[in-house]
Amino acid sequence: MLALIIISLALLCFRNIRPESLRSVQVLATLAGISTAYWYQIEQDKRQWISEETLRGIEQALGMNLGVQFDD
């Protein structure tokens, strides 16, 4: 549950940062390894969870660390 809260906060940060990027959503989604439709679903809070792999892809595309850590 705590991980979902942390991811939700990270995604809120992500939604606020993406408009500042000079890259299009299509480019960012490709860099993240996801579809543009999936990117928009995440931004619009239509996804209840995302995988760690997807989160790391988003971080890489945005060139930042959202500060989410997972327990192994």
PDB file of N, CA and C in Angstrom:
ATOM      1  N   MET A   1       0.823  -1.196   0.000  1.00  0.00           N
ATOM      2  CA  MET A   1       0.000   0.000   0.000  1.00  0.00           C
ATOM      3  C   MET A   1       0.866   1.258   0.000  1.00  0.00           C
ATOM      4  N   LEU A   2       1.900   1.253   0.823  1.00  0.00           N
ATOM      5  CA  LEU A   2       2.799   2.397   0.879  1.00  0.00           C
ATOM      6  C   LEU A   2       3.459   2.637  -0.467  1.00  0.00           C
ATOM      7  N   ALA A   3       3.836   1.560  -1.156  1.00  0.00           N
ATOM      8  CA  ALA A   3       4.463   1.695  -2.473  1.00  0.00           C
ATOM      9  C   ALA A   3       3.514   2.371  -3.457  1.00  0.00           C
ATOM     10  N   LEU A   4       2.213   2.038  -3.390  1.00  0.00           N
ATOM     11  CA  LEU A   4       1.237   2.662  -4.284  1.00  0.00           C
ATOM     12  C   LEU A   4       1.099   4.154  -3.997  1.00  0.00           C
ATOM     13  N   ILE A   5       1.149   4.528  -2.732  1.00  0.00           N
ATOM     14  CA  ILE A   5       1.068   5.941  -2.369  1.00  0.00           C
ATOM     15  C   ILE A   5       2.291   6.681  -2.891  1.00  0.00           C
ATOM     16  N   ILE A   6       3.455   6.091  -2.723  1.00  0.00           N
ATOM     17  CA  ILE A   6       4.683   6.715  -3.198  1.00  0.00           C
ATOM     18  C   ILE A   6       4.668   6.842  -4.711  1.00  0.00           C
ATOM     19  N   ILE A   7       4.215   5.794  -5.399  1.00  0.00           N
ATOM     20  CA  ILE A   7       4.129   5.855  -6.861  1.00  0.00           C
ATOM     21  C   ILE A   7       3.139   6.931  -7.280  1.00  0.00           C
ATOM     22  N   SER A   8       2.010   7.034  -6.599  1.00  0.00           N
ATOM     23  CA  SER A   8       1.022   8.059  -6.921  1.00  0.00           C
ATOM     24  C   SER A   8       1.618   9.454  -6.786  1.00  0.00           C
ATOM     25  N   LEU A   9       2.380   9.674  -5.737  1.00  0.00           N
ATOM     26  CA  LEU A   9       3.027  10.976  -5.555  1.00  0.00           C
ATOM     27  C   LEU A   9       4.063  11.236  -6.639  1.00  0.00           C
ATOM     28  N   ALA A  10       4.798  10.202  -7.003  1.00  0.00           N
ATOM     29  CA  ALA A  10       5.800  10.336  -8.061  1.00  0.00           C
ATOM     30  C   ALA A  10       5.128  10.663  -9.390  1.00  0.00           C
ATOM     31  N   LEU A  11       3.993  10.011  -9.663  1.00  0.00           N
ATOM     32  CA  LEU A  11       3.296  10.273 -10.917  1.00  0.00           C
ATOM     33  C   LEU A  11       2.695  11.672 -10.940  1.00  0.00           C
ATOM     34  N   LEU A  12       2.289  12.171  -9.804  1.00  0.00           N
ATOM     35  CA  LEU A  12       1.809  13.550  -9.731  1.00  0.00           C
ATOM     36  C   LEU A  12       2.941  14.498 -10.128  1.00  0.00           C
ATOM     37  N   CYS A  13       4.116  14.234  -9.619  1.00  0.00           N
ATOM     38  CA  CYS A  13       5.298  15.007  -9.976  1.00  0.00           C
ATOM     39  C   CYS A  13       5.559  14.895 -11.473  1.00  0.00           C
ATOM     40  N   PHE A  14       5.471  13.689 -11.995  1.00  0.00           N
ATOM     41  CA  PHE A  14       5.692  13.417 -13.416  1.00  0.00           C
ATOM     42  C   PHE A  14       4.723  14.213 -14.279  1.00  0.00           C
ATOM     43  N   ARG A  15       3.464  14.274 -13.903  1.00  0.00           N
ATOM     44  CA  ARG A  15       2.465  15.010 -14.673  1.00  0.00           C
ATOM     45  C   ARG A  15       2.767  16.501 -14.706  1.00  0.00           C
ATOM     46  N   ASN A  16       3.347  17.013 -13.644  1.00  0.00           N
ATOM     47  CA  ASN A  16       3.677  18.430 -13.597  1.00  0.00           C
ATOM     48  C   ASN A  16       4.958  18.759 -14.351  1.00  0.00           C
ATOM     49  N   ILE A  17       5.843  17.796 -14.473  1.00  0.00           N
ATOM     50  CA  ILE A  17       7.130  18.017 -15.119  1.00  0.00           C
ATOM     51  C   ILE A  17       7.049  17.851 -16.633  1.00  0.00           C
ATOM     52  N   ARG A  18       6.278  16.909 -17.099  1.00  0.00           N
ATOM     53  CA  ARG A  18       6.244  16.602 -18.530  1.00  0.00           C
ATOM     54  C   ARG A  18       5.960  17.811 -19.412  1.00  0.00           C
ATOM     55  N   PRO A  19       5.028  18.690 -19.056  1.00  0.00           N
ATOM     56  CA  PRO A  19       4.792  19.841 -19.937  1.00  0.00           C
ATOM     57  C   PRO A  19       6.017  20.736 -20.101  1.00  0.00           C
ATOM     58  N   GLU A  20       6.945  20.686 -19.159  1.00  0.00           N
ATOM     59  CA  GLU A  20       8.154  21.502 -19.259  1.00  0.00           C
ATOM     60  C   GLU A  20       9.185  20.898 -20.198  1.00  0.00           C
ATOM     61  N   SER A  21       8.997  19.632 -20.547  1.00  0.00           N
ATOM     62  CA  SER A  21       9.941  18.960 -21.433  1.00  0.00           C
ATOM     63  C   SER A  21       9.803  19.530 -22.840  1.00  0.00           C
ATOM     64  N   LEU A  22      10.900  19.615 -23.523  1.00  0.00           N
ATOM     65  CA  LEU A  22      10.876  20.112 -24.899  1.00  0.00           C
ATOM     66  C   LEU A  22      10.550  19.000 -25.888  1.00  0.00           C
ATOM     67  N   ARG A  23      10.392  17.786 -25.382  1.00  0.00           N
ATOM     68  CA  ARG A  23      10.091  16.638 -26.240  1.00  0.00           C
ATOM     69  C   ARG A  23       8.589  16.398 -26.293  1.00  0.00           C
ATOM     70  N   SER A  24       8.149  15.866 -27.427  1.00  0.00           N
ATOM     71  CA  SER A  24       6.727  15.532 -27.570  1.00  0.00           C
ATOM     72  C   SER A  24       6.409  14.283 -26.746  1.00  0.00           C
ATOM     73  N   VAL A  25       5.131  14.076 -26.488  1.00  0.00           N
ATOM     74  CA  VAL A  25       4.697  12.885 -25.768  1.00  0.00           C
ATOM     75  C   VAL A  25       5.089  11.635 -26.543  1.00  0.00           C
ATOM     76  N   GLN A  26       5.007  11.694 -27.863  1.00  0.00           N
ATOM     77  CA  GLN A  26       5.369  10.543 -28.679  1.00  0.00           C
ATOM     78  C   GLN A  26       6.830  10.160 -28.454  1.00  0.00           C
ATOM     79  N   VAL A  27       7.711  11.154 -28.415  1.00  0.00           N
ATOM     80  CA  VAL A  27       9.129  10.890 -28.208  1.00  0.00           C
ATOM     81  C   VAL A  27       9.370  10.366 -26.794  1.00  0.00           C
ATOM     82  N   LEU A  28       8.762  11.005 -25.798  1.00  0.00           N
ATOM     83  CA  LEU A  28       8.943  10.574 -24.411  1.00  0.00           C
ATOM     84  C   LEU A  28       8.443   9.149 -24.199  1.00  0.00           C
ATOM     85  N   ALA A  29       7.274   8.842 -24.751  1.00  0.00           N
ATOM     86  CA  ALA A  29       6.717   7.493 -24.608  1.00  0.00           C
ATOM     87  C   ALA A  29       7.635   6.461 -25.256  1.00  0.00           C
ATOM     88  N   THR A  30       8.151   6.770 -26.422  1.00  0.00           N
ATOM     89  CA  THR A  30       9.077   5.857 -27.102  1.00  0.00           C
ATOM     90  C   THR A  30      10.323   5.644 -26.259  1.00  0.00           C
ATOM     91  N   LEU A  31      10.875   6.715 -25.714  1.00  0.00           N
ATOM     92  CA  LEU A  31      12.052   6.601 -24.862  1.00  0.00           C
ATOM     93  C   LEU A  31      11.759   5.783 -23.606  1.00  0.00           C
ATOM     94  N   ALA A  32      10.534   5.881 -23.112  1.00  0.00           N
ATOM     95  CA  ALA A  32      10.136   5.149 -21.908  1.00  0.00           C
ATOM     96  C   ALA A  32       9.790   3.693 -22.207  1.00  0.00           C
ATOM     97  N   GLY A  33       9.633   3.366 -23.486  1.00  0.00           N
ATOM     98  CA  GLY A  33       9.300   1.995 -23.861  1.00  0.00           C
ATOM     99  C   GLY A  33       7.827   1.670 -23.734  1.00  0.00           C
ATOM    100  N   ILE A  34       6.989   2.701 -23.818  1.00  0.00           N
ATOM    101  CA  ILE A  34       5.541   2.501 -23.719  1.00  0.00           C
ATOM    102  C   ILE A  34       4.851   3.224 -24.869  1.00  0.00           C
ATOM    103  N   SER A  35       3.583   2.931 -25.070  1.00  0.00           N
ATOM    104  CA  SER A  35       2.836   3.604 -26.127  1.00  0.00           C
ATOM    105  C   SER A  35       2.408   5.004 -25.670  1.00  0.00           C
ATOM    106  N   THR A  36       2.117   5.837 -26.645  1.00  0.00           N
ATOM    107  CA  THR A  36       1.625   7.180 -26.334  1.00  0.00           C
ATOM    108  C   THR A  36       0.307   7.097 -25.566  1.00  0.00           C
ATOM    109  N   ALA A  37      -0.557   6.169 -25.959  1.00  0.00           N
ATOM    110  CA  ALA A  37      -1.842   6.001 -25.275  1.00  0.00           C
ATOM    111  C   ALA A  37      -1.631   5.634 -23.807  1.00  0.00           C
ATOM    112  N   TYR A  38      -0.671   4.740 -23.562  1.00  0.00           N
ATOM    113  CA  TYR A  38      -0.373   4.329 -22.184  1.00  0.00           C
ATOM    114  C   TYR A  38       0.175   5.505 -21.391  1.00  0.00           C
ATOM    115  N   TRP A  39       1.045   6.307 -22.000  1.00  0.00           N
ATOM    116  CA  TRP A  39       1.591   7.510 -21.345  1.00  0.00           C
ATOM    117  C   TRP A  39       0.438   8.416 -20.905  1.00  0.00           C
ATOM    118  N   TYR A  40      -0.500   8.685 -21.826  1.00  0.00           N
ATOM    119  CA  TYR A  40      -1.635   9.551 -21.487  1.00  0.00           C
ATOM    120  C   TYR A  40      -2.508   8.945 -20.384  1.00  0.00           C
ATOM    121  N   GLN A  41      -2.694   7.628 -20.400  1.00  0.00           N
ATOM    122  CA  GLN A  41      -3.472   6.983 -19.340  1.00  0.00           C
ATOM    123  C   GLN A  41      -2.823   7.205 -17.981  1.00  0.00           C
ATOM    124  N   ILE A  42      -1.509   7.114 -17.925  1.00  0.00           N
ATOM    125  CA  ILE A  42      -0.788   7.348 -16.671  1.00  0.00           C
ATOM    126  C   ILE A  42      -0.955   8.800 -16.246  1.00  0.00           C
ATOM    127  N   GLU A  43      -0.756   9.723 -17.181  1.00  0.00           N
ATOM    128  CA  GLU A  43      -0.875  11.152 -16.864  1.00  0.00           C
ATOM    129  C   GLU A  43      -2.274  11.522 -16.375  1.00  0.00           C
ATOM    130  N   GLN A  44      -3.273  10.905 -16.970  1.00  0.00           N
ATOM    131  CA  GLN A  44      -4.657  11.242 -16.642  1.00  0.00           C
ATOM    132  C   GLN A  44      -5.208  10.423 -15.488  1.00  0.00           C
ATOM    133  N   ASP A  45      -4.305   9.713 -14.801  1.00  0.00           N
ATOM    134  CA  ASP A  45      -4.674   8.933 -13.613  1.00  0.00           C
ATOM    135  C   ASP A  45      -5.693   7.832 -13.922  1.00  0.00           C
ATOM    136  N   LYS A  46      -5.605   7.277 -15.126  1.00  0.00           N
ATOM    137  CA  LYS A  46      -6.498   6.186 -15.507  1.00  0.00           C
ATOM    138  C   LYS A  46      -5.862   4.823 -15.254  1.00  0.00           C
ATOM    139  N   ARG A  47      -4.644   4.805 -14.753  1.00  0.00           N
ATOM    140  CA  ARG A  47      -3.948   3.565 -14.382  1.00  0.00           C
ATOM    141  C   ARG A  47      -3.824   3.538 -12.872  1.00  0.00           C
ATOM    142  N   GLN A  48      -4.239   2.461 -12.258  1.00  0.00           N
ATOM    143  CA  GLN A  48      -4.156   2.361 -10.803  1.00  0.00           C
ATOM    144  C   GLN A  48      -2.759   2.000 -10.340  1.00  0.00           C
ATOM    145  N   TRP A  49      -1.987   1.374 -11.214  1.00  0.00           N
ATOM    146  CA  TRP A  49      -0.608   1.027 -10.881  1.00  0.00           C
ATOM    147  C   TRP A  49       0.178   0.885 -12.173  1.00  0.00           C
ATOM    148  N   ILE A  50       1.485   1.000 -12.051  1.00  0.00           N
ATOM    149  CA  ILE A  50       2.379   0.736 -13.166  1.00  0.00           C
ATOM    150  C   ILE A  50       3.526  -0.118 -12.636  1.00  0.00           C
ATOM    151  N   SER A  51       4.175  -0.809 -13.531  1.00  0.00           N
ATOM    152  CA  SER A  51       5.287  -1.653 -13.112  1.00  0.00           C
ATOM    153  C   SER A  51       6.514  -0.795 -12.805  1.00  0.00           C
ATOM    154  N   GLU A  52       7.437  -1.393 -12.071  1.00  0.00           N
ATOM    155  CA  GLU A  52       8.688  -0.698 -11.791  1.00  0.00           C
ATOM    156  C   GLU A  52       9.422  -0.418 -13.107  1.00  0.00           C
ATOM    157  N   GLU A  53       9.369  -1.351 -14.025  1.00  0.00           N
ATOM    158  CA  GLU A  53      10.025  -1.174 -15.324  1.00  0.00           C
ATOM    159  C   GLU A  53       9.468   0.056 -16.054  1.00  0.00           C
ATOM    160  N   THR A  54       8.157   0.226 -16.026  1.00  0.00           N
ATOM    161  CA  THR A  54       7.535   1.386 -16.665  1.00  0.00           C
ATOM    162  C   THR A  54       7.947   2.674 -15.966  1.00  0.00           C
ATOM    163  N   LEU A  55       7.931   2.661 -14.642  1.00  0.00           N
ATOM    164  CA  LEU A  55       8.339   3.835 -13.882  1.00  0.00           C
ATOM    165  C   LEU A  55       9.775   4.221 -14.209  1.00  0.00           C
ATOM    166  N   ARG A  56      10.661   3.230 -14.262  1.00  0.00           N
ATOM    167  CA  ARG A  56      12.072   3.512 -14.578  1.00  0.00           C
ATOM    168  C   ARG A  56      12.212   4.048 -15.997  1.00  0.00           C
ATOM    169  N   GLY A  57      11.394   3.546 -16.929  1.00  0.00           N
ATOM    170  CA  GLY A  57      11.407   4.056 -18.302  1.00  0.00           C
ATOM    171  C   GLY A  57      10.979   5.509 -18.368  1.00  0.00           C
ATOM    172  N   ILE A  58       9.961   5.855 -17.594  1.00  0.00           N
ATOM    173  CA  ILE A  58       9.494   7.245 -17.535  1.00  0.00           C
ATOM    174  C   ILE A  58      10.583   8.139 -16.952  1.00  0.00           C
ATOM    175  N   GLU A  59      11.202   7.670 -15.887  1.00  0.00           N
ATOM    176  CA  GLU A  59      12.303   8.435 -15.293  1.00  0.00           C
ATOM    177  C   GLU A  59      13.406   8.671 -16.316  1.00  0.00           C
ATOM    178  N   GLN A  60      13.758   7.630 -17.052  1.00  0.00           N
ATOM    179  CA  GLN A  60      14.822   7.758 -18.047  1.00  0.00           C
ATOM    180  C   GLN A  60      14.418   8.743 -19.143  1.00  0.00           C
ATOM    181  N   ALA A  61      13.182   8.642 -19.614  1.00  0.00           N
ATOM    182  CA  ALA A  61      12.711   9.542 -20.678  1.00  0.00           C
ATOM    183  C   ALA A  61      12.735  10.996 -20.234  1.00  0.00           C
ATOM    184  N   LEU A  62      12.381  11.233 -18.968  1.00  0.00           N
ATOM    185  CA  LEU A  62      12.356  12.600 -18.441  1.00  0.00           C
ATOM    186  C   LEU A  62      13.726  13.058 -17.943  1.00  0.00           C
ATOM    187  N   GLY A  63      14.666  12.111 -17.850  1.00  0.00           N
ATOM    188  CA  GLY A  63      16.000  12.449 -17.376  1.00  0.00           C
ATOM    189  C   GLY A  63      16.028  12.825 -15.913  1.00  0.00           C
ATOM    190  N   MET A  64      15.232  12.103 -15.126  1.00  0.00           N
ATOM    191  CA  MET A  64      15.161  12.414 -13.702  1.00  0.00           C
ATOM    192  C   MET A  64      14.835  11.172 -12.885  1.00  0.00           C
ATOM    193  N   ASN A  65      15.058  11.278 -11.600  1.00  0.00           N
ATOM    194  CA  ASN A  65      14.715  10.214 -10.662  1.00  0.00           C
ATOM    195  C   ASN A  65      13.536  10.704  -9.823  1.00  0.00           C
ATOM    196  N   LEU A  66      12.431   9.975  -9.871  1.00  0.00           N
ATOM    197  CA  LEU A  66      11.236  10.376  -9.128  1.00  0.00           C
ATOM    198  C   LEU A  66      11.301   9.965  -7.657  1.00  0.00           C
ATOM    199  N   GLY A  67      12.374   9.306  -7.273  1.00  0.00           N
ATOM    200  CA  GLY A  67      12.593   8.990  -5.870  1.00  0.00           C
ATOM    201  C   GLY A  67      11.843   7.797  -5.334  1.00  0.00           C
ATOM    202  N   VAL A  68      11.307   6.950  -6.195  1.00  0.00           N
ATOM    203  CA  VAL A  68      10.567   5.765  -5.764  1.00  0.00           C
ATOM    204  C   VAL A  68      11.534   4.600  -5.627  1.00  0.00           C
ATOM    205  N   GLN A  69      11.501   3.948  -4.490  1.00  0.00           N
ATOM    206  CA  GLN A  69      12.317   2.766  -4.260  1.00  0.00           C
ATOM    207  C   GLN A  69      11.412   1.597  -3.924  1.00  0.00           C
ATOM    208  N   PHE A  70      11.748   0.439  -4.442  1.00  0.00           N
ATOM    209  CA  PHE A  70      10.978  -0.776  -4.193  1.00  0.00           C
ATOM    210  C   PHE A  70      11.769  -1.701  -3.304  1.00  0.00           C
ATOM    211  N   ASP A  71      11.065  -2.395  -2.428  1.00  0.00           N
ATOM    212  CA  ASP A  71      11.701  -3.421  -1.610  1.00  0.00           C
ATOM    213  C   ASP A  71      11.927  -4.646  -2.462  1.00  0.00           C
ATOM    214  N   ASP A  72      13.076  -5.262  -2.333  1.00  0.00           N
ATOM    215  CA  ASP A  72      13.370  -6.487  -3.084  1.00  0.00           C
ATOM    216  C   ASP A  72      12.909  -7.703  -2.345  1.00  0.00           C
TER     217      ASP A  72
END
